[in-house]
Amino acid sequence: MKAIRQRRYILATAAGLGILASVLILACGRSTPEIQTQMLLTVSLPASVCMVALWVQNCRKLRIARLIAENQILHIRTAVISDGADDIEAFISYFGILLDSRVIKFNQEDIFLKAVEIGRDYISLTYGTDRRVQSTRLLHEAIDDEEAERIAERFHRETGIIPVIHS
């Protein structure tokens, strides 16, 4: 989620600078030839609009990422990198999967969670539309049968899907 936040700040800064540049070009355009002003505006205005659109898209992605992290059913540390970099974490909820900065949405835009399989050292989620189905398998530390049952019960209670448990 940290990477999504950083990208949001960068896009907001770029959009603000683009809008500021466009306003300055318009304000100073009276002292420069009209053709130069038009050329500069043809570059700065579309660039600013693109940055604003990307910023809005990233804000939506951050909102969904927060929703997933706050309503998690399961939190998995998928990898620990020993050189001091951040851990890669996965949050799984009724709303989707947050895998570092990647967001996979459920129950939105016709994408639904279809099946869950729980193994001793993995969890597999099948999701998609009626036309296209995808599966994601996340490895985690080994769990016992009691923990697998607890996770399965939580998935069933929150999503309505009965997970398959592989011993």
Protein backbone atom coordinates (compact mmCIF):
# COMPACT_ATOMS: atom_id res chain seq x y z
CA MET A 1 0.00 0.00 0.00
CA LYS A 2 2.98 2.25 0.59
CA ALA A 3 3.88 2.12 -3.11
CA ILE A 4 0.33 3.10 -4.07
CA ARG A 5 0.46 6.10 -1.71
CA GLN A 6 3.82 7.22 -3.08
CA ARG A 7 2.55 6.96 -6.65
CA ARG A 8 -0.49 9.04 -5.65
CA TYR A 9 1.74 11.82 -4.28
CA ILE A 10 3.93 11.81 -7.38
CA LEU A 11 0.92 11.99 -9.71
CA ALA A 12 -0.68 14.76 -7.64
CA THR A 13 2.55 16.76 -7.79
CA ALA A 14 2.89 16.24 -11.54
CA ALA A 15 -0.75 17.22 -12.12
CA GLY A 16 -0.38 20.34 -9.96
CA LEU A 17 2.80 21.38 -11.76
CA GLY A 18 1.14 20.81 -15.14
CA ILE A 19 -1.87 22.92 -14.19
CA LEU A 20 0.41 25.62 -12.79
CA ALA A 21 2.45 25.61 -16.00
CA SER A 22 -0.72 25.92 -18.09
CA VAL A 23 -1.95 28.86 -16.01
CA LEU A 24 1.46 30.56 -16.29
CA ILE A 25 1.50 30.02 -20.04
CA LEU A 26 -1.93 31.60 -20.31
CA ALA A 27 -0.95 34.51 -18.04
CA CYS A 28 2.32 35.17 -19.82
CA GLY A 29 0.86 34.42 -23.24
CA ARG A 30 0.01 38.06 -23.84
CA SER A 31 3.66 39.02 -23.98
CA THR A 32 4.72 36.19 -26.30
CA PRO A 33 3.59 35.47 -29.84
CA GLU A 34 0.25 33.68 -30.03
CA ILE A 35 1.66 30.69 -31.95
CA GLN A 36 4.15 29.90 -29.15
CA THR A 37 1.43 30.11 -26.52
CA GLN A 38 -0.80 27.76 -28.50
CA MET A 39 2.06 25.28 -28.99
CA LEU A 40 2.89 25.26 -25.29
CA LEU A 41 -0.75 24.89 -24.29
CA THR A 42 -1.23 21.96 -26.70
CA VAL A 43 1.41 20.12 -24.70
CA SER A 44 0.77 21.28 -21.14
CA LEU A 45 -3.04 20.98 -21.03
CA PRO A 46 -3.33 17.36 -22.28
CA ALA A 47 -0.38 16.34 -20.08
CA SER A 48 -2.09 17.91 -17.06
CA VAL A 49 -5.39 16.20 -17.86
CA CYS A 50 -3.60 12.84 -18.19
CA MET A 51 -1.86 13.32 -14.83
CA VAL A 52 -5.17 14.21 -13.16
CA ALA A 53 -6.84 11.13 -14.69
CA LEU A 54 -3.99 8.88 -13.50
CA TRP A 55 -4.15 10.49 -10.05
CA VAL A 56 -7.92 9.83 -9.81
CA GLN A 57 -7.40 6.22 -10.92
CA ASN A 58 -4.67 5.77 -8.31
CA CYS A 59 -6.88 7.29 -5.59
CA ARG A 60 -9.56 4.71 -6.40
CA LYS A 61 -6.95 1.94 -6.25
CA LEU A 62 -5.78 3.21 -2.84
CA ARG A 63 -9.36 3.33 -1.56
CA ILE A 64 -9.92 -0.30 -2.57
CA ALA A 65 -6.53 -1.31 -1.10
CA ARG A 66 -7.49 0.26 2.24
CA LEU A 67 -10.86 -1.49 2.14
CA ILE A 68 -9.14 -4.85 1.59
CA ALA A 69 -6.54 -4.27 4.33
CA GLU A 70 -9.10 -3.06 6.88
CA ASN A 71 -11.50 -5.97 6.27
CA GLN A 72 -8.97 -8.75 5.93
CA ILE A 73 -9.92 -12.36 6.34
CA LEU A 74 -6.33 -13.49 6.05
CA HIS A 75 -2.95 -11.75 6.13
CA ILE A 76 -0.01 -13.61 4.62
CA ARG A 77 3.65 -12.71 4.52
CA THR A 78 4.53 -14.19 1.15
CA ALA A 79 8.24 -13.39 1.16
CA VAL A 80 10.83 -11.95 3.47
CA ILE A 81 13.71 -10.26 1.71
CA SER A 82 16.86 -10.28 3.79
CA ASP A 83 18.65 -7.28 2.27
CA GLY A 84 16.62 -4.79 4.29
CA ALA A 85 13.85 -4.29 1.73
CA ASP A 86 10.20 -4.42 2.75
CA ASP A 87 8.37 -7.71 3.12
CA ILE A 88 5.86 -8.62 0.47
CA GLU A 89 2.51 -9.00 2.17
CA ALA A 90 -0.82 -10.25 0.94
CA PHE A 91 -4.16 -9.22 2.41
CA ILE A 92 -7.20 -11.27 1.46
CA SER A 93 -10.71 -10.02 2.15
CA TYR A 94 -14.25 -10.22 0.84
CA PHE A 95 -13.41 -7.23 -1.36
CA GLY A 96 -10.29 -8.69 -3.00
CA ILE A 97 -6.58 -9.35 -2.69
CA LEU A 98 -3.92 -6.73 -1.98
CA LEU A 99 -0.54 -8.12 -2.98
CA ASP A 100 2.04 -5.41 -2.30
CA SER A 101 0.85 -2.71 -4.75
CA ARG A 102 -1.31 -4.99 -6.91
CA VAL A 103 -5.05 -4.93 -6.24
CA ILE A 104 -7.37 -7.73 -7.38
CA LYS A 105 -10.99 -6.72 -6.80
CA PHE A 106 -13.87 -9.06 -5.99
CA ASN A 107 -17.59 -8.36 -6.19
CA GLN A 108 -17.03 -5.31 -8.41
CA GLU A 109 -17.19 -4.90 -12.17
CA ASP A 110 -18.64 -8.44 -12.55
CA ILE A 111 -15.55 -10.04 -10.95
CA PHE A 112 -16.56 -12.54 -8.29
CA LEU A 113 -14.71 -14.92 -5.98
CA LYS A 114 -15.65 -18.39 -7.22
CA ALA A 115 -13.65 -20.90 -5.16
CA VAL A 116 -11.14 -21.13 -2.31
CA GLU A 117 -8.75 -24.00 -1.63
CA ILE A 118 -6.73 -24.15 1.57
CA GLY A 119 -3.69 -26.38 1.86
CA ARG A 120 -1.10 -26.79 4.59
CA ASP A 121 1.21 -24.22 3.01
CA TYR A 122 -0.91 -22.41 0.41
CA ILE A 123 -4.24 -20.79 -0.29
CA SER A 124 -5.65 -20.76 -3.81
CA LEU A 125 -8.34 -18.30 -4.86
CA THR A 126 -10.31 -18.65 -8.09
CA TYR A 127 -12.06 -15.50 -9.28
CA GLY A 128 -13.28 -13.80 -12.41
CA THR A 129 -16.24 -13.13 -14.65
CA ASP A 130 -18.52 -15.63 -16.35
CA ARG A 131 -16.29 -15.47 -19.43
CA ARG A 132 -12.81 -15.42 -17.89
CA VAL A 133 -11.65 -17.13 -14.71
CA GLN A 134 -8.25 -16.69 -13.04
CA SER A 135 -6.59 -18.37 -10.12
CA THR A 136 -4.02 -17.04 -7.66
CA ARG A 137 -2.04 -19.30 -5.35
CA LEU A 138 -0.33 -17.72 -2.36
CA LEU A 139 2.23 -19.68 -0.38
CA HIS A 140 2.40 -19.19 3.37
CA GLU A 141 3.87 -20.87 6.42
CA ALA A 142 2.49 -24.29 7.26
CA ILE A 143 -0.72 -24.36 9.29
CA ASP A 144 -2.39 -27.18 11.22
CA ASP A 145 -5.85 -28.61 10.53
CA GLU A 146 -7.47 -26.52 13.27
CA GLU A 147 -6.14 -23.26 11.80
CA ALA A 148 -7.24 -24.35 8.30
CA GLU A 149 -10.76 -24.99 9.65
CA ARG A 150 -10.82 -21.58 11.33
CA ILE A 151 -9.77 -19.84 8.09
CA ALA A 152 -12.31 -21.88 6.10
CA GLU A 153 -15.08 -20.92 8.53
CA ARG A 154 -14.19 -17.26 8.24
CA PHE A 155 -14.19 -17.43 4.44
CA HIS A 156 -17.56 -19.18 4.50
CA ARG A 157 -19.05 -16.67 6.94
CA GLU A 158 -17.80 -13.58 5.08
CA THR A 159 -18.01 -14.68 1.44
CA GLY A 160 -20.59 -17.47 1.40
CA ILE A 161 -18.10 -19.75 -0.36
CA ILE A 162 -17.28 -23.12 1.20
CA PRO A 163 -13.50 -23.57 0.91
CA VAL A 164 -11.99 -26.92 0.03
CA ILE A 165 -9.37 -27.99 2.59
CA HIS A 166 -6.50 -30.18 1.41
CA SER A 167 -4.70 -31.95 4.25
